[in-house]
Amino acid sequence: MTKTKKNQGATAPVAELPRNQILGGDCIEIMNSLPAESVDLIFADPPYNLQLKGDLHRPDNSLVDAVDDEWDQFSSFSVYDKFTRDWLRAARRLLKPNGAIWVIGSYHNIFRVGASLQDAGYWILNDVIWRKSNPMPNFRGKRFTNAHETMIWAGKSEESKYTFNYEALKALNDDVQMRSDWVIPICNGGERLKDENGDKAHPTQKPQALLHRVLIGSTNQGDVVLDPFFGSGTTGAVAKMLGRDFIGIERDPGYREVAERRIANTRVLDRSALQVSTSKRAEPRVPFGQLVERGMLRPGEVLMNPRGQTAKVRADGTLISDERKGSIHQVGAALEGAPSCNGWTYWHFKREGKAIPIDLLRQQIRAEMREN
């Protein structure tokens, strides 16, 4: 079972990565104490610097529970920008070369954060709009209802080979490509954590569904996910559930206590349920010649295309059809008069009178490789 441990804020250099722990203290100091290039993904929900002026009331004169905590208050934009640059620099040092970061914010701060990301050397991959299906109304009627937040997804650098589980996200979206606008309700009801007085345990708790989509799409099992503004622990709870390791940093002891309880009560999914659809590009490469070497297809065996044209398998894993010789892809393209051809789905062999795509044999080998 995944365990968590509170750390009250020592920031001496750490030799071993503190997986599945909540570290107490200043996020910049603690990140600077962790081993470099040790984290696969960072999800950051930094202070938004909302710049609220006065109380906000509903039409019935009841007071709106707005975010007015000390941690969200900065004396000027320049102070906020320095804070942003400092934590982004510390975060980038922790990312592995192929690591990535997600930062969420509102119109108050996300544009300033985006510029700082680029200045720090990150490479922006997408901005994703979280469109709230149940946003708080605009009570004063002087602006549009603020119904979305923006997330920026960025690689550590332009060269980063970041994780993107395209097929898993497509499956999550009823087999339709996942778009960059996500309709997800705000955190409320039974999911909203409460304190002993029945009030919100944290004013900006993010919905579990949001983190589920982020982690399914951009991490793999066993990856390390860091959240430098851990709050009530949504990132850690979802990471634990999905078989990822987490590191949380939170300076407020009350929030740490809430997160500890939450994560302790989170169940890890069954291992078989953690498997997600993988991209075809991520599958191990299997040369056609391997099918011949292993006797799954024999030299001299005849393959057929959808129009009934044939080609013979040669001992070196190439095909010959009339005067055409080459790979399964080259011969297929020549027969079709096309610039390219996916030979794995193009060619079939016969077993017991049935035409079977040669790709079935490739999938058998891939399954064996995954088991080993």
Protein backbone atom coordinates (compact mmCIF):
# COMPACT_ATOMS: atom_id res chain seq x y z
CA MET A 1 0.00 0.00 0.00
CA THR A 2 1.27 3.50 -0.83
CA LYS A 3 2.19 5.43 2.29
CA THR A 4 2.64 9.13 2.80
CA LYS A 5 4.80 10.92 5.32
CA LYS A 6 4.75 14.49 6.51
CA ASN A 7 7.97 16.47 6.50
CA GLN A 8 7.91 19.70 8.42
CA GLY A 9 10.27 21.53 6.12
CA ALA A 10 13.95 20.54 6.28
CA THR A 11 15.53 21.62 2.99
CA ALA A 12 18.97 20.00 3.12
CA PRO A 13 19.92 18.17 -0.12
CA VAL A 14 18.03 14.90 -0.49
CA ALA A 15 19.98 11.87 -1.77
CA GLU A 16 16.97 9.68 -2.47
CA LEU A 17 13.75 10.84 -4.12
CA PRO A 18 10.99 11.05 -1.46
CA ARG A 19 8.31 9.18 -3.40
CA ASN A 20 4.74 9.26 -2.11
CA GLN A 21 5.45 11.83 0.56
CA ILE A 22 4.05 15.26 1.35
CA LEU A 23 6.87 17.67 2.11
CA GLY A 24 6.16 20.71 4.27
CA GLY A 25 7.77 24.04 3.56
CA ASP A 26 8.56 26.54 0.82
CA CYS A 27 8.14 24.92 -2.60
CA ILE A 28 11.17 26.62 -4.16
CA GLU A 29 13.52 25.67 -1.34
CA ILE A 30 12.30 22.09 -1.29
CA MET A 31 12.47 21.68 -5.09
CA ASN A 32 16.04 23.00 -5.01
CA SER A 33 16.90 20.30 -2.45
CA LEU A 34 15.60 17.37 -4.55
CA PRO A 35 17.74 15.39 -7.04
CA ALA A 36 18.00 16.95 -10.50
CA GLU A 37 16.27 15.29 -13.47
CA SER A 38 14.30 12.91 -11.24
CA VAL A 39 10.66 13.74 -12.06
CA ASP A 40 8.58 12.70 -15.09
CA LEU A 41 5.73 15.21 -14.81
CA ILE A 42 4.89 18.31 -12.81
CA PHE A 43 1.32 19.47 -12.26
CA ALA A 44 1.28 22.97 -10.80
CA ASP A 45 -1.73 24.89 -9.49
CA PRO A 46 0.07 28.04 -8.29
CA PRO A 47 -1.53 31.05 -6.60
CA TYR A 48 -3.64 32.95 -9.14
CA ASN A 49 -2.99 36.40 -7.65
CA LEU A 50 -6.70 37.18 -7.98
CA GLN A 51 -6.36 40.85 -6.91
CA LEU A 52 -9.76 40.81 -5.23
CA LYS A 53 -11.06 44.20 -4.05
CA GLY A 54 -13.64 44.02 -1.28
CA ASP A 55 -16.31 41.43 -0.52
CA LEU A 56 -18.56 39.85 -3.13
CA HIS A 57 -22.23 39.26 -2.33
CA ARG A 58 -24.97 37.26 -4.04
CA PRO A 59 -28.30 38.90 -5.00
CA ASP A 60 -29.74 37.66 -1.66
CA ASN A 61 -26.89 39.57 0.07
CA SER A 62 -25.15 36.40 1.26
CA LEU A 63 -21.35 36.54 1.16
CA VAL A 64 -19.49 34.59 -1.56
CA ASP A 65 -16.71 32.41 -0.14
CA ALA A 66 -13.99 33.86 -2.39
CA VAL A 67 -10.27 33.09 -2.40
CA ASP A 68 -8.82 35.74 -0.11
CA ASP A 69 -6.14 33.66 1.64
CA GLU A 70 -2.73 35.16 2.36
CA TRP A 71 -0.99 32.69 0.02
CA ASP A 72 -2.82 34.19 -2.99
CA GLN A 73 -1.84 37.78 -2.26
CA PHE A 74 1.15 39.55 -3.83
CA SER A 75 2.04 43.22 -3.47
CA SER A 76 2.63 43.80 -7.19
CA PHE A 77 2.85 42.10 -10.57
CA SER A 78 6.64 42.30 -10.42
CA VAL A 79 6.69 40.40 -7.12
CA TYR A 80 4.37 37.76 -8.58
CA ASP A 81 6.48 37.48 -11.74
CA LYS A 82 9.66 36.92 -9.70
CA PHE A 83 7.92 34.22 -7.67
CA THR A 84 6.76 32.57 -10.92
CA ARG A 85 10.21 32.67 -12.50
CA ASP A 86 11.82 31.23 -9.38
CA TRP A 87 9.50 28.25 -8.98
CA LEU A 88 9.49 27.49 -12.72
CA ARG A 89 13.31 27.47 -12.72
CA ALA A 90 13.40 25.11 -9.73
CA ALA A 91 10.77 22.88 -11.34
CA ARG A 92 12.60 22.64 -14.67
CA ARG A 93 15.78 21.45 -12.93
CA LEU A 94 13.81 18.51 -11.51
CA LEU A 95 12.31 17.36 -14.82
CA LYS A 96 13.91 14.51 -16.70
CA PRO A 97 15.04 15.45 -20.25
CA ASN A 98 11.77 14.05 -21.62
CA GLY A 99 9.65 15.43 -18.79
CA ALA A 100 6.75 17.86 -19.06
CA ILE A 101 4.75 20.30 -16.97
CA TRP A 102 1.11 21.32 -16.67
CA VAL A 103 0.27 24.71 -15.15
CA ILE A 104 -3.31 25.76 -14.49
CA GLY A 105 -4.49 29.32 -14.02
CA SER A 106 -7.14 31.94 -14.74
CA TYR A 107 -7.08 35.16 -16.75
CA HIS A 108 -5.52 36.83 -13.69
CA ASN A 109 -2.20 35.00 -14.05
CA ILE A 110 -1.99 32.48 -16.89
CA PHE A 111 -0.65 34.91 -19.51
CA ARG A 112 2.14 36.00 -17.20
CA VAL A 113 2.91 32.35 -16.40
CA GLY A 114 2.97 31.46 -20.11
CA ALA A 115 5.59 34.12 -20.88
CA SER A 116 7.71 32.97 -17.93
CA LEU A 117 7.48 29.36 -19.14
CA GLN A 118 8.87 30.29 -22.52
CA ASP A 119 11.55 32.55 -21.02
CA ALA A 120 12.68 29.65 -18.80
CA GLY A 121 13.22 27.34 -21.79
CA TYR A 122 10.09 25.20 -21.66
CA TRP A 123 8.44 24.32 -24.99
CA ILE A 124 4.67 24.89 -25.03
CA LEU A 125 2.76 21.93 -26.51
CA ASN A 126 -0.88 22.95 -25.99
CA ASP A 127 -3.10 25.20 -24.01
CA VAL A 128 -6.16 23.33 -22.77
CA ILE A 129 -9.36 25.06 -21.77
CA TRP A 130 -11.12 23.54 -18.78
CA ARG A 131 -14.70 24.63 -19.43
CA LYS A 132 -16.72 24.37 -16.26
CA SER A 133 -20.16 22.87 -16.83
CA ASN A 134 -21.39 24.47 -13.59
CA PRO A 135 -19.48 27.76 -13.09
CA MET A 136 -20.24 30.32 -10.42
CA PRO A 137 -22.53 33.03 -11.88
CA ASN A 138 -21.37 36.59 -12.33
CA PHE A 139 -23.41 38.23 -9.58
CA ARG A 140 -22.66 41.85 -10.43
CA GLY A 141 -23.57 41.54 -14.11
CA LYS A 142 -20.64 43.70 -15.20
CA ARG A 143 -18.59 41.00 -16.96
CA PHE A 144 -19.03 37.66 -18.69
CA THR A 145 -19.53 34.68 -16.41
CA ASN A 146 -16.02 33.31 -15.83
CA ALA A 147 -16.69 29.76 -17.00
CA HIS A 148 -13.22 28.38 -17.73
CA GLU A 149 -9.63 28.06 -16.61
CA THR A 150 -6.59 27.54 -18.83
CA MET A 151 -3.95 24.85 -18.53
CA ILE A 152 -0.62 25.09 -20.33
CA TRP A 153 1.12 21.82 -21.20
CA ALA A 154 4.81 22.19 -21.99
CA GLY A 155 7.84 19.97 -22.49
CA LYS A 156 11.06 20.64 -20.61
CA SER A 157 12.60 21.68 -23.93
CA GLU A 158 11.87 21.65 -27.65
CA GLU A 159 13.80 18.36 -27.92
CA SER A 160 11.82 16.56 -25.17
CA LYS A 161 10.21 13.26 -26.20
CA TYR A 162 7.27 13.81 -23.86
CA THR A 163 4.66 11.17 -23.04
CA PHE A 164 1.37 11.52 -24.89
CA ASN A 165 -1.05 8.58 -24.65
CA TYR A 166 -3.10 9.56 -27.68
CA GLU A 167 -4.97 6.26 -27.98
CA ALA A 168 -5.88 6.24 -24.27
CA LEU A 169 -7.33 9.76 -24.46
CA LYS A 170 -9.20 8.85 -27.63
CA ALA A 171 -10.69 5.80 -25.90
CA LEU A 172 -11.63 7.99 -22.93
CA ASN A 173 -13.53 10.24 -25.38
CA ASP A 174 -15.74 7.58 -27.04
CA ASP A 175 -13.11 6.86 -29.71
CA VAL A 176 -12.99 10.46 -30.88
CA GLN A 177 -9.78 12.51 -30.82
CA MET A 178 -9.42 14.36 -27.52
CA ARG A 179 -9.77 18.09 -28.11
CA SER A 180 -8.16 20.93 -26.21
CA ASP A 181 -11.45 22.06 -24.62
CA TRP A 182 -12.49 19.86 -21.72
CA VAL A 183 -15.99 20.12 -20.24
CA ILE A 184 -15.72 19.03 -16.60
CA PRO A 185 -17.78 20.23 -13.61
CA ILE A 186 -16.14 22.11 -10.76
CA CYS A 187 -15.44 20.20 -7.58
CA ASN A 188 -18.62 20.04 -5.49
CA GLY A 189 -20.99 17.63 -3.78
CA GLY A 190 -19.45 14.58 -2.11
CA GLU A 191 -16.08 15.19 -3.75
CA ARG A 192 -15.62 18.58 -2.08
CA LEU A 193 -13.60 18.10 1.10
CA LYS A 194 -14.93 19.85 4.22
CA ASP A 195 -13.35 20.83 7.50
CA GLU A 196 -14.77 20.15 10.96
CA ASN A 197 -17.07 23.20 10.61
CA GLY A 198 -18.52 21.99 7.32
CA ASP A 199 -16.67 24.65 5.31
CA LYS A 200 -14.47 24.02 2.28
CA ALA A 201 -11.22 22.41 3.38
CA HIS A 202 -9.45 24.19 0.50
CA PRO A 203 -10.91 27.05 -1.58
CA THR A 204 -9.46 25.94 -4.93
CA GLN A 205 -9.78 22.14 -4.80
CA LYS A 206 -9.60 20.79 -8.35
CA PRO A 207 -11.94 18.03 -9.57
CA GLN A 208 -10.52 14.53 -9.65
CA ALA A 209 -11.72 14.10 -13.25
CA LEU A 210 -9.37 16.88 -14.39
CA LEU A 211 -6.29 15.22 -12.90
CA HIS A 212 -7.41 11.80 -14.13
CA ARG A 213 -7.37 13.04 -17.71
CA VAL A 214 -4.03 14.82 -17.29
CA LEU A 215 -2.28 11.78 -15.78
CA ILE A 216 -3.82 9.23 -18.16
CA GLY A 217 -2.77 11.37 -21.10
CA SER A 218 0.75 12.37 -20.11
CA THR A 219 2.18 9.76 -17.73
CA ASN A 220 2.73 6.02 -17.52
CA GLN A 221 2.54 3.59 -14.62
CA GLY A 222 5.44 4.08 -12.22
CA ASP A 223 6.15 7.66 -13.32
CA VAL A 224 6.91 10.26 -10.67
CA VAL A 225 4.50 13.22 -10.58
CA LEU A 226 5.42 16.32 -8.57
CA ASP A 227 2.88 18.88 -7.37
CA PRO A 228 4.62 21.90 -5.78
CA PHE A 229 1.30 23.46 -4.65
CA PHE A 230 -0.26 20.30 -3.24
CA GLY A 231 -3.22 21.82 -1.41
CA SER A 232 -5.83 19.20 -0.58
CA GLY A 233 -3.93 16.49 -2.47
CA THR A 234 -5.97 15.86 -5.63
CA THR A 235 -2.81 15.17 -7.65
CA GLY A 236 -1.53 12.68 -5.07
CA ALA A 237 -4.85 10.88 -4.70
CA VAL A 238 -5.29 10.41 -8.45
CA ALA A 239 -1.63 9.44 -8.90
CA LYS A 240 -1.94 6.77 -6.21
CA MET A 241 -5.17 5.44 -7.71
CA LEU A 242 -3.59 5.18 -11.18
CA GLY A 243 -0.34 3.53 -10.10
CA ARG A 244 1.89 6.61 -10.37
CA ASP A 245 4.21 7.85 -7.63
CA PHE A 246 3.78 11.39 -6.35
CA ILE A 247 5.69 14.04 -4.44
CA GLY A 248 3.64 16.79 -2.83
CA ILE A 249 4.92 20.09 -1.47
CA GLU A 250 2.62 22.14 0.75
CA ARG A 251 3.58 24.77 3.30
CA ASP A 252 0.21 24.95 5.10
CA PRO A 253 0.01 22.26 7.84
CA GLY A 254 -3.79 22.27 7.74
CA TYR A 255 -3.86 21.46 4.04
CA ARG A 256 -1.19 18.79 4.54
CA GLU A 257 -3.35 17.11 7.17
CA VAL A 258 -6.37 17.11 4.83
CA ALA A 259 -4.27 15.65 2.02
CA GLU A 260 -2.79 12.96 4.30
CA ARG A 261 -6.23 11.70 5.28
CA ARG A 262 -7.49 11.83 1.73
CA ILE A 263 -4.59 9.87 0.25
CA ALA A 264 -4.65 7.30 3.06
CA ASN A 265 -8.28 6.59 2.13
CA THR A 266 -7.56 6.35 -1.61
CA ARG A 267 -7.53 2.83 -3.04
CA VAL A 268 -5.03 1.76 -5.69
CA LEU A 269 -6.79 0.33 -8.73
CA ASP A 270 -6.32 -3.34 -9.59
CA ARG A 271 -3.18 -3.76 -11.70
CA SER A 272 -5.12 -5.08 -14.69
CA ALA A 273 -7.36 -1.99 -14.59
CA LEU A 274 -4.34 0.33 -14.82
CA GLN A 275 -3.47 -0.73 -18.36
CA VAL A 276 -4.38 1.93 -20.93
CA SER A 277 -4.60 1.94 -24.71
CA THR A 278 -1.15 2.64 -26.14
CA SER A 279 -0.22 4.51 -29.28
CA LYS A 280 0.72 2.34 -32.24
CA ARG A 281 3.94 4.34 -32.45
CA ALA A 282 4.81 3.24 -28.92
CA GLU A 283 4.53 -0.47 -29.76
CA PRO A 284 7.83 -2.36 -30.11
CA ARG A 285 9.08 -2.65 -33.69
CA VAL A 286 8.76 -6.13 -35.23
CA PRO A 287 10.54 -6.67 -38.58
CA PHE A 288 8.65 -8.80 -41.10
CA GLY A 289 11.74 -10.99 -41.37
CA GLN A 290 11.21 -12.09 -37.77
CA LEU A 291 8.02 -13.87 -38.85
CA VAL A 292 10.05 -15.80 -41.41
CA GLU A 293 12.87 -16.60 -38.97
CA ARG A 294 10.42 -18.00 -36.45
CA GLY A 295 8.58 -20.12 -39.02
CA MET A 296 5.30 -18.25 -38.65
CA LEU A 297 5.51 -17.72 -42.41
CA ARG A 298 7.62 -19.99 -44.61
CA PRO A 299 9.89 -19.01 -47.53
CA GLY A 300 7.87 -19.62 -50.68
CA GLU A 301 4.54 -19.06 -48.95
CA VAL A 302 2.10 -16.96 -50.96
CA LEU A 303 0.60 -13.72 -49.65
CA MET A 304 -2.42 -12.00 -51.21
CA ASN A 305 -3.59 -8.41 -51.42
CA PRO A 306 -7.29 -7.31 -51.29
CA ARG A 307 -7.56 -7.65 -55.10
CA GLY A 308 -6.25 -11.21 -55.16
CA GLN A 309 -2.77 -10.33 -56.48
CA THR A 310 -0.04 -12.47 -54.95
CA ALA A 311 3.58 -12.29 -53.83
CA LYS A 312 5.95 -14.94 -52.50
CA VAL A 313 7.83 -14.71 -49.22
CA ARG A 314 11.60 -14.97 -49.59
CA ALA A 315 14.05 -16.31 -47.02
CA ASP A 316 15.44 -12.84 -46.25
CA GLY A 317 12.03 -11.39 -45.37
CA THR A 318 11.40 -9.66 -48.70
CA LEU A 319 8.61 -10.35 -51.21
CA ILE A 320 8.65 -11.02 -54.94
CA SER A 321 5.66 -10.44 -57.21
CA ASP A 322 6.24 -10.68 -60.96
CA GLU A 323 9.20 -8.30 -61.48
CA ARG A 324 8.63 -6.42 -58.24
CA LYS A 325 10.93 -7.16 -55.30
CA GLY A 326 11.31 -5.50 -51.91
CA SER A 327 9.78 -5.15 -48.48
CA ILE A 328 6.14 -5.84 -47.72
CA HIS A 329 5.57 -2.09 -47.93
CA GLN A 330 7.52 -1.49 -51.16
CA VAL A 331 5.88 -4.32 -53.11
CA GLY A 332 2.43 -3.31 -51.87
CA ALA A 333 3.00 0.32 -52.94
CA ALA A 334 4.24 -0.81 -56.38
CA LEU A 335 1.14 -2.95 -56.96
CA GLU A 336 -1.12 -0.07 -55.94
CA GLY A 337 0.83 2.56 -57.88
CA ALA A 338 0.92 4.52 -54.59
CA PRO A 339 3.76 6.41 -52.88
CA SER A 340 3.45 4.27 -49.75
CA CYS A 341 1.64 1.26 -48.34
CA ASN A 342 1.18 -0.30 -44.89
CA GLY A 343 2.17 -3.85 -45.77
CA TRP A 344 1.06 -5.20 -42.39
CA THR A 345 -2.61 -4.55 -43.13
CA TYR A 346 -2.28 -4.94 -46.93
CA TRP A 347 -1.01 -8.53 -47.12
CA HIS A 348 -2.90 -11.67 -46.05
CA PHE A 349 -1.99 -15.35 -45.79
CA LYS A 350 -4.31 -18.37 -45.87
CA ARG A 351 -4.94 -20.83 -43.06
CA GLU A 352 -7.68 -23.43 -43.38
CA GLY A 353 -9.13 -21.55 -46.33
CA LYS A 354 -9.38 -18.23 -44.46
CA ALA A 355 -7.49 -15.03 -45.38
CA ILE A 356 -5.71 -13.67 -42.29
CA PRO A 357 -3.79 -10.34 -42.15
CA ILE A 358 -0.09 -10.78 -41.44
CA ASP A 359 -0.49 -8.09 -38.78
CA LEU A 360 -2.08 -10.76 -36.58
CA LEU A 361 1.29 -12.54 -36.43
CA ARG A 362 3.03 -9.27 -35.52
CA GLN A 363 0.56 -8.73 -32.67
CA GLN A 364 1.32 -12.23 -31.34
CA ILE A 365 5.02 -11.37 -31.13
CA ARG A 366 4.28 -8.02 -29.47
CA ALA A 367 2.11 -9.74 -26.86
CA GLU A 368 4.99 -12.09 -26.04
CA MET A 369 7.36 -9.11 -25.71
CA ARG A 370 5.01 -7.37 -23.29
CA GLU A 371 4.73 -10.50 -21.13
CA ASN A 372 8.50 -10.76 -20.91
